[in-house]
Every structure is written in C-alpha cells, then in structure tokens.
Amino acid sequence: MAKEDKRLVLAKEDCIGCGICVTVCPTNLKQEKDINFDVDAEPRAIAVDNGQAVINDDLCIACGICAKNCPVNSLTIEVVA
C-alpha cells in the first residue's frame, strides 16, 4: 500500500502525551542523525506539543510503528479511499 493510500490518525481524547511515538518514529530518527538537525526548530513527523501528539502529514510516512507502540492505542493507521 502506498503512502497516499493510508494516513496516521490520532484520537486526541485518548492521547496521554507520553512521547513514545516521537522516539520510535523512523522519520524522526532519520532526521536526528543529520548533524545539522535542530530539534527545537525543525518540524518532525510526530511530536508532542502541550501534552498531545501532533502529526505532520507532510513528513509522516504512515508506517504504523508509532501506532504499534502507543500504550493507550490513540494512534491508528487509516486507509484513505
């Protein structure tokens, strides 16, 4: 399934803002390996802001790794018709 066929969806009411999704995201991990990456200035595929996960649809590859690691199941992969 191509990236454009699916997307990551957050159930805001369930998210506890733990940040596990941020740490397991392969896109974020790849960004962090860049010596010039500034965690405070550059957008990430998924981040936590004000105690809530925030998804950047432009960077997220909808791989589902964050959803599999979410302890409260607030993240899911949705098939886009």
PDB file of N, CA and C in Angstrom:
ATOM      1  N   MET A   1       0.845  -1.179   0.000  1.00  0.00           N
ATOM      2  CA  MET A   1       0.000   0.000   0.000  1.00  0.00           C
ATOM      3  C   MET A   1       0.892   1.245   0.000  1.00  0.00           C
ATOM      4  N   ALA A   2       0.673   2.136  -0.898  1.00  0.00           N
ATOM      5  CA  ALA A   2       1.465   3.360  -0.992  1.00  0.00           C
ATOM      6  C   ALA A   2       1.090   4.329   0.118  1.00  0.00           C
ATOM      7  N   LYS A   3       1.979   5.259   0.424  1.00  0.00           N
ATOM      8  CA  LYS A   3       1.749   6.238   1.484  1.00  0.00           C
ATOM      9  C   LYS A   3       0.470   7.004   1.264  1.00  0.00           C
ATOM     10  N   GLU A   4       0.154   7.348   0.016  1.00  0.00           N
ATOM     11  CA  GLU A   4      -1.047   8.130  -0.246  1.00  0.00           C
ATOM     12  C   GLU A   4      -2.326   7.329  -0.026  1.00  0.00           C
ATOM     13  N   ASP A   5      -2.205   6.022   0.178  1.00  0.00           N
ATOM     14  CA  ASP A   5      -3.361   5.180   0.426  1.00  0.00           C
ATOM     15  C   ASP A   5      -3.699   5.057   1.911  1.00  0.00           C
ATOM     16  N   LYS A   6      -2.853   5.599   2.776  1.00  0.00           N
ATOM     17  CA  LYS A   6      -3.096   5.497   4.207  1.00  0.00           C
ATOM     18  C   LYS A   6      -2.553   6.722   4.923  1.00  0.00           C
ATOM     19  N   ARG A   7      -3.060   6.939   6.147  1.00  0.00           N
ATOM     20  CA  ARG A   7      -2.590   8.063   6.931  1.00  0.00           C
ATOM     21  C   ARG A   7      -2.687   7.717   8.405  1.00  0.00           C
ATOM     22  N   LEU A   8      -1.915   8.408   9.195  1.00  0.00           N
ATOM     23  CA  LEU A   8      -1.927   8.230  10.629  1.00  0.00           C
ATOM     24  C   LEU A   8      -3.003   9.128  11.226  1.00  0.00           C
ATOM     25  N   VAL A   9      -3.788   8.570  12.141  1.00  0.00           N
ATOM     26  CA  VAL A   9      -4.876   9.310  12.764  1.00  0.00           C
ATOM     27  C   VAL A   9      -4.700   9.254  14.277  1.00  0.00           C
ATOM     28  N   LEU A  10      -4.907  10.394  14.931  1.00  0.00           N
ATOM     29  CA  LEU A  10      -4.789  10.490  16.379  1.00  0.00           C
ATOM     30  C   LEU A  10      -6.169  10.662  17.015  1.00  0.00           C
ATOM     31  N   ALA A  11      -6.446   9.839  18.026  1.00  0.00           N
ATOM     32  CA  ALA A  11      -7.648  10.025  18.848  1.00  0.00           C
ATOM     33  C   ALA A  11      -7.224  10.917  20.012  1.00  0.00           C
ATOM     34  N   LYS A  12      -7.423  12.221  19.846  1.00  0.00           N
ATOM     35  CA  LYS A  12      -6.934  13.204  20.817  1.00  0.00           C
ATOM     36  C   LYS A  12      -7.430  12.938  22.231  1.00  0.00           C
ATOM     37  N   GLU A  13      -8.640  12.449  22.351  1.00  0.00           N
ATOM     38  CA  GLU A  13      -9.192  12.211  23.676  1.00  0.00           C
ATOM     39  C   GLU A  13      -8.485  11.078  24.424  1.00  0.00           C
ATOM     40  N   ASP A  14      -7.765  10.222  23.700  1.00  0.00           N
ATOM     41  CA  ASP A  14      -7.058   9.098  24.321  1.00  0.00           C
ATOM     42  C   ASP A  14      -5.581   9.368  24.557  1.00  0.00           C
ATOM     43  N   CYS A  15      -4.990  10.297  23.810  1.00  0.00           N
ATOM     44  CA  CYS A  15      -3.552  10.573  23.897  1.00  0.00           C
ATOM     45  C   CYS A  15      -3.192  11.111  25.280  1.00  0.00           C
ATOM     46  N   ILE A  16      -2.109  10.541  25.859  1.00  0.00           N
ATOM     47  CA  ILE A  16      -1.639  10.992  27.171  1.00  0.00           C
ATOM     48  C   ILE A  16      -0.350  11.802  27.062  1.00  0.00           C
ATOM     49  N   GLY A  17       0.133  12.012  25.838  1.00  0.00           N
ATOM     50  CA  GLY A  17       1.320  12.842  25.625  1.00  0.00           C
ATOM     51  C   GLY A  17       2.608  12.247  26.152  1.00  0.00           C
ATOM     52  N   CYS A  18       2.708  10.927  26.184  1.00  0.00           N
ATOM     53  CA  CYS A  18       3.882  10.268  26.758  1.00  0.00           C
ATOM     54  C   CYS A  18       5.145  10.426  25.912  1.00  0.00           C
ATOM     55  N   GLY A  19       4.990  10.607  24.594  1.00  0.00           N
ATOM     56  CA  GLY A  19       6.136  10.817  23.709  1.00  0.00           C
ATOM     57  C   GLY A  19       6.777   9.560  23.154  1.00  0.00           C
ATOM     58  N   ILE A  20       6.239   8.395  23.466  1.00  0.00           N
ATOM     59  CA  ILE A  20       6.809   7.162  22.918  1.00  0.00           C
ATOM     60  C   ILE A  20       6.771   7.191  21.396  1.00  0.00           C
ATOM     61  N   CYS A  21       5.697   7.719  20.831  1.00  0.00           N
ATOM     62  CA  CYS A  21       5.559   7.802  19.376  1.00  0.00           C
ATOM     63  C   CYS A  21       6.704   8.599  18.760  1.00  0.00           C
ATOM     64  N   VAL A  22       7.105   9.649  19.425  1.00  0.00           N
ATOM     65  CA  VAL A  22       8.190  10.507  18.932  1.00  0.00           C
ATOM     66  C   VAL A  22       9.501   9.732  18.878  1.00  0.00           C
ATOM     67  N   THR A  23       9.746   8.916  19.889  1.00  0.00           N
ATOM     68  CA  THR A  23      11.024   8.213  19.991  1.00  0.00           C
ATOM     69  C   THR A  23      11.140   7.014  19.062  1.00  0.00           C
ATOM     70  N   VAL A  24      10.021   6.428  18.631  1.00  0.00           N
ATOM     71  CA  VAL A  24      10.083   5.243  17.770  1.00  0.00           C
ATOM     72  C   VAL A  24       9.880   5.560  16.295  1.00  0.00           C
ATOM     73  N   CYS A  25       9.512   6.787  15.976  1.00  0.00           N
ATOM     74  CA  CYS A  25       9.236   7.174  14.587  1.00  0.00           C
ATOM     75  C   CYS A  25      10.499   7.096  13.733  1.00  0.00           C
ATOM     76  N   PRO A  26      10.504   6.284  12.674  1.00  0.00           N
ATOM     77  CA  PRO A  26      11.700   6.176  11.834  1.00  0.00           C
ATOM     78  C   PRO A  26      12.042   7.471  11.096  1.00  0.00           C
ATOM     79  N   THR A  27      11.038   8.266  10.756  1.00  0.00           N
ATOM     80  CA  THR A  27      11.305   9.543  10.106  1.00  0.00           C
ATOM     81  C   THR A  27      12.021  10.477  11.068  1.00  0.00           C
ATOM     82  N   ASN A  28      11.546  10.538  12.312  1.00  0.00           N
ATOM     83  CA  ASN A  28      12.205  11.364  13.325  1.00  0.00           C
ATOM     84  C   ASN A  28      13.631  10.876  13.571  1.00  0.00           C
ATOM     85  N   LEU A  29      13.807   9.562  13.668  1.00  0.00           N
ATOM     86  CA  LEU A  29      15.137   9.008  13.926  1.00  0.00           C
ATOM     87  C   LEU A  29      16.102   9.343  12.801  1.00  0.00           C
ATOM     88  N   LYS A  30      15.620   9.292  11.573  1.00  0.00           N
ATOM     89  CA  LYS A  30      16.464   9.647  10.421  1.00  0.00           C
ATOM     90  C   LYS A  30      16.857  11.119  10.476  1.00  0.00           C
ATOM     91  N   GLN A  31      15.896  11.986  10.835  1.00  0.00           N
ATOM     92  CA  GLN A  31      16.181  13.416  10.951  1.00  0.00           C
ATOM     93  C   GLN A  31      17.255  13.673  12.013  1.00  0.00           C
ATOM     94  N   GLU A  32      17.138  12.984  13.144  1.00  0.00           N
ATOM     95  CA  GLU A  32      18.050  13.202  14.257  1.00  0.00           C
ATOM     96  C   GLU A  32      19.491  12.837  13.919  1.00  0.00           C
ATOM     97  N   LYS A  33      19.682  11.966  12.938  1.00  0.00           N
ATOM     98  CA  LYS A  33      21.034  11.562  12.539  1.00  0.00           C
ATOM     99  C   LYS A  33      21.755  12.647  11.748  1.00  0.00           C
ATOM    100  N   ASP A  34      20.996  13.602  11.208  1.00  0.00           N
ATOM    101  CA  ASP A  34      21.593  14.715  10.471  1.00  0.00           C
ATOM    102  C   ASP A  34      22.279  15.642  11.468  1.00  0.00           C
ATOM    103  N   ILE A  35      23.547  15.862  11.292  1.00  0.00           N
ATOM    104  CA  ILE A  35      24.330  16.667  12.231  1.00  0.00           C
ATOM    105  C   ILE A  35      23.800  18.090  12.370  1.00  0.00           C
ATOM    106  N   ASN A  36      23.124  18.599  11.355  1.00  0.00           N
ATOM    107  CA  ASN A  36      22.593  19.964  11.389  1.00  0.00           C
ATOM    108  C   ASN A  36      21.155  20.043  11.903  1.00  0.00           C
ATOM    109  N   PHE A  37      20.572  18.912  12.311  1.00  0.00           N
ATOM    110  CA  PHE A  37      19.182  18.893  12.762  1.00  0.00           C
ATOM    111  C   PHE A  37      19.026  19.633  14.087  1.00  0.00           C
ATOM    112  N   ASP A  38      18.063  20.545  14.132  1.00  0.00           N
ATOM    113  CA  ASP A  38      17.762  21.309  15.343  1.00  0.00           C
ATOM    114  C   ASP A  38      16.389  20.883  15.842  1.00  0.00           C
ATOM    115  N   VAL A  39      16.356  20.088  16.908  1.00  0.00           N
ATOM    116  CA  VAL A  39      15.114  19.528  17.424  1.00  0.00           C
ATOM    117  C   VAL A  39      14.111  20.604  17.830  1.00  0.00           C
ATOM    118  N   ASP A  40      14.589  21.764  18.200  1.00  0.00           N
ATOM    119  CA  ASP A  40      13.698  22.836  18.631  1.00  0.00           C
ATOM    120  C   ASP A  40      13.154  23.679  17.482  1.00  0.00           C
ATOM    121  N   ALA A  41      13.761  23.578  16.310  1.00  0.00           N
ATOM    122  CA  ALA A  41      13.376  24.469  15.215  1.00  0.00           C
ATOM    123  C   ALA A  41      12.735  23.753  14.017  1.00  0.00           C
ATOM    124  N   GLU A  42      13.085  22.502  13.807  1.00  0.00           N
ATOM    125  CA  GLU A  42      12.614  21.823  12.600  1.00  0.00           C
ATOM    126  C   GLU A  42      11.383  20.965  12.868  1.00  0.00           C
ATOM    127  N   PRO A  43      10.477  20.890  11.896  1.00  0.00           N
ATOM    128  CA  PRO A  43       9.285  20.060  12.061  1.00  0.00           C
ATOM    129  C   PRO A  43       9.651  18.582  12.082  1.00  0.00           C
ATOM    130  N   ARG A  44       8.829  17.810  12.769  1.00  0.00           N
ATOM    131  CA  ARG A  44       9.039  16.366  12.866  1.00  0.00           C
ATOM    132  C   ARG A  44       7.782  15.661  12.385  1.00  0.00           C
ATOM    133  N   ALA A  45       7.907  14.405  12.033  1.00  0.00           N
ATOM    134  CA  ALA A  45       6.753  13.642  11.553  1.00  0.00           C
ATOM    135  C   ALA A  45       5.692  13.525  12.641  1.00  0.00           C
ATOM    136  N   ILE A  46       6.144  13.322  13.874  1.00  0.00           N
ATOM    137  CA  ILE A  46       5.238  13.309  15.015  1.00  0.00           C
ATOM    138  C   ILE A  46       5.980  13.921  16.194  1.00  0.00           C
ATOM    139  N   ALA A  47       5.275  14.728  16.943  1.00  0.00           N
ATOM    140  CA  ALA A  47       5.863  15.419  18.089  1.00  0.00           C
ATOM    141  C   ALA A  47       4.796  15.511  19.172  1.00  0.00           C
ATOM    142  N   VAL A  48       5.212  15.951  20.358  1.00  0.00           N
ATOM    143  CA  VAL A  48       4.264  16.208  21.436  1.00  0.00           C
ATOM    144  C   VAL A  48       4.308  17.695  21.730  1.00  0.00           C
ATOM    145  N   ASP A  49       3.128  18.302  21.722  1.00  0.00           N
ATOM    146  CA  ASP A  49       3.006  19.724  21.996  1.00  0.00           C
ATOM    147  C   ASP A  49       1.855  19.920  22.975  1.00  0.00           C
ATOM    148  N   ASN A  50       2.121  20.607  24.068  1.00  0.00           N
ATOM    149  CA  ASN A  50       1.103  20.835  25.095  1.00  0.00           C
ATOM    150  C   ASN A  50       0.428  19.542  25.552  1.00  0.00           C
ATOM    151  N   GLY A  51       1.247  18.493  25.743  1.00  0.00           N
ATOM    152  CA  GLY A  51       0.733  17.230  26.266  1.00  0.00           C
ATOM    153  C   GLY A  51      -0.086  16.413  25.296  1.00  0.00           C
ATOM    154  N   GLN A  52       0.092  16.680  23.993  1.00  0.00           N
ATOM    155  CA  GLN A  52      -0.686  15.984  22.975  1.00  0.00           C
ATOM    156  C   GLN A  52       0.178  15.691  21.755  1.00  0.00           C
ATOM    157  N   ALA A  53       0.053  14.484  21.218  1.00  0.00           N
ATOM    158  CA  ALA A  53       0.767  14.153  19.994  1.00  0.00           C
ATOM    159  C   ALA A  53       0.243  15.011  18.848  1.00  0.00           C
ATOM    160  N   VAL A  54       1.166  15.421  17.969  1.00  0.00           N
ATOM    161  CA  VAL A  54       0.819  16.218  16.798  1.00  0.00           C
ATOM    162  C   VAL A  54       1.464  15.552  15.589  1.00  0.00           C
ATOM    163  N   ILE A  55       0.663  15.262  14.578  1.00  0.00           N
ATOM    164  CA  ILE A  55       1.138  14.583  13.375  1.00  0.00           C
ATOM    165  C   ILE A  55       1.355  15.594  12.266  1.00  0.00           C
ATOM    166  N   ASN A  56       2.520  15.529  11.625  1.00  0.00           N
ATOM    167  CA  ASN A  56       2.807  16.351  10.465  1.00  0.00           C
ATOM    168  C   ASN A  56       2.590  15.464   9.239  1.00  0.00           C
ATOM    169  N   ASP A  57       1.446  15.627   8.586  1.00  0.00           N
ATOM    170  CA  ASP A  57       1.092  14.765   7.455  1.00  0.00           C
ATOM    171  C   ASP A  57       2.074  14.866   6.293  1.00  0.00           C
ATOM    172  N   ASP A  58       2.791  15.974   6.189  1.00  0.00           N
ATOM    173  CA  ASP A  58       3.770  16.128   5.114  1.00  0.00           C
ATOM    174  C   ASP A  58       5.010  15.272   5.344  1.00  0.00           C
ATOM    175  N   LEU A  59       5.341  14.989   6.597  1.00  0.00           N
ATOM    176  CA  LEU A  59       6.536  14.212   6.916  1.00  0.00           C
ATOM    177  C   LEU A  59       6.241  12.763   7.295  1.00  0.00           C
ATOM    178  N   CYS A  60       5.052  12.510   7.820  1.00  0.00           N
ATOM    179  CA  CYS A  60       4.678  11.162   8.261  1.00  0.00           C
ATOM    180  C   CYS A  60       4.577  10.225   7.059  1.00  0.00           C
ATOM    181  N   ILE A  61       5.212   9.052   7.172  1.00  0.00           N
ATOM    182  CA  ILE A  61       5.159   8.066   6.093  1.00  0.00           C
ATOM    183  C   ILE A  61       4.090   7.002   6.349  1.00  0.00           C
ATOM    184  N   ALA A  62       3.324   7.154   7.426  1.00  0.00           N
ATOM    185  CA  ALA A  62       2.219   6.259   7.774  1.00  0.00           C
ATOM    186  C   ALA A  62       2.656   4.796   7.832  1.00  0.00           C
ATOM    187  N   CYS A  63       3.803   4.558   8.474  1.00  0.00           N
ATOM    188  CA  CYS A  63       4.326   3.197   8.582  1.00  0.00           C
ATOM    189  C   CYS A  63       3.646   2.402   9.693  1.00  0.00           C
ATOM    190  N   GLY A  64       3.112   3.100  10.705  1.00  0.00           N
ATOM    191  CA  GLY A  64       2.389   2.436  11.783  1.00  0.00           C
ATOM    192  C   GLY A  64       3.213   2.035  12.989  1.00  0.00           C
ATOM    193  N   ILE A  65       4.508   2.310  12.977  1.00  0.00           N
ATOM    194  CA  ILE A  65       5.349   1.926  14.106  1.00  0.00           C
ATOM    195  C   ILE A  65       4.915   2.644  15.380  1.00  0.00           C
ATOM    196  N   CYS A  66       4.579   3.907  15.280  1.00  0.00           N
ATOM    197  CA  CYS A  66       4.118   4.650  16.458  1.00  0.00           C
ATOM    198  C   CYS A  66       2.814   4.068  16.978  1.00  0.00           C
ATOM    199  N   ALA A  67       1.913   3.704  16.088  1.00  0.00           N
ATOM    200  CA  ALA A  67       0.626   3.138  16.488  1.00  0.00           C
ATOM    201  C   ALA A  67       0.821   1.818  17.232  1.00  0.00           C
ATOM    202  N   LYS A  68       1.774   1.010  16.770  1.00  0.00           N
ATOM    203  CA  LYS A  68       2.041  -0.271  17.422  1.00  0.00           C
ATOM    204  C   LYS A  68       2.651  -0.089  18.805  1.00  0.00           C
ATOM    205  N   ASN A  69       3.310   1.027  19.033  1.00  0.00           N
ATOM    206  CA  ASN A  69       3.982   1.273  20.304  1.00  0.00           C
ATOM    207  C   ASN A  69       3.202   2.161  21.261  1.00  0.00           C
ATOM    208  N   CYS A  70       2.082   2.705  20.826  1.00  0.00           N
ATOM    209  CA  CYS A  70       1.293   3.596  21.671  1.00  0.00           C
ATOM    210  C   CYS A  70       0.652   2.803  22.814  1.00  0.00           C
ATOM    211  N   PRO A  71       0.956   3.164  24.070  1.00  0.00           N
ATOM    212  CA  PRO A  71       0.431   2.387  25.195  1.00  0.00           C
ATOM    213  C   PRO A  71      -1.071   2.536  25.431  1.00  0.00           C
ATOM    214  N   VAL A  72      -1.678   3.571  24.854  1.00  0.00           N
ATOM    215  CA  VAL A  72      -3.120   3.781  25.042  1.00  0.00           C
ATOM    216  C   VAL A  72      -3.899   3.657  23.726  1.00  0.00           C
ATOM    217  N   ASN A  73      -3.231   3.191  22.686  1.00  0.00           N
ATOM    218  CA  ASN A  73      -3.862   2.976  21.379  1.00  0.00           C
ATOM    219  C   ASN A  73      -4.554   4.217  20.828  1.00  0.00           C
ATOM    220  N   SER A  74      -3.912   5.367  21.004  1.00  0.00           N
ATOM    221  CA  SER A  74      -4.518   6.603  20.491  1.00  0.00           C
ATOM    222  C   SER A  74      -4.163   6.864  19.028  1.00  0.00           C
ATOM    223  N   LEU A  75      -3.234   6.092  18.479  1.00  0.00           N
ATOM    224  CA  LEU A  75      -2.824   6.249  17.086  1.00  0.00           C
ATOM    225  C   LEU A  75      -3.260   5.043  16.261  1.00  0.00           C
ATOM    226  N   THR A  76      -3.796   5.303  15.093  1.00  0.00           N
ATOM    227  CA  THR A  76      -4.189   4.239  14.195  1.00  0.00           C
ATOM    228  C   THR A  76      -3.834   4.627  12.761  1.00  0.00           C
ATOM    229  N   ILE A  77      -3.675   3.628  11.931  1.00  0.00           N
ATOM    230  CA  ILE A  77      -3.475   3.842  10.503  1.00  0.00           C
ATOM    231  C   ILE A  77      -4.838   3.680   9.833  1.00  0.00           C
ATOM    232  N   GLU A  78      -5.198   4.664   9.044  1.00  0.00           N
ATOM    233  CA  GLU A  78      -6.483   4.663   8.357  1.00  0.00           C
ATOM    234  C   GLU A  78      -6.243   4.569   6.863  1.00  0.00           C
ATOM    235  N   VAL A  79      -7.004   3.720   6.206  1.00  0.00           N
ATOM    236  CA  VAL A  79      -6.926   3.599   4.751  1.00  0.00           C
ATOM    237  C   VAL A  79      -7.744   4.718   4.141  1.00  0.00           C
ATOM    238  N   VAL A  80      -7.135   5.432   3.202  1.00  0.00           N
ATOM    239  CA  VAL A  80      -7.793   6.561   2.536  1.00  0.00           C
ATOM    240  C   VAL A  80      -8.386   6.054   1.232  1.00  0.00           C
ATOM    241  N   ALA A  81      -9.677   6.276   1.065  1.00  0.00           N
ATOM    242  CA  ALA A  81     -10.353   5.795  -0.136  1.00  0.00           C
ATOM    243  C   ALA A  81     -10.114   6.698  -1.317  1.00  0.00           C
TER     244      ALA A  81
END
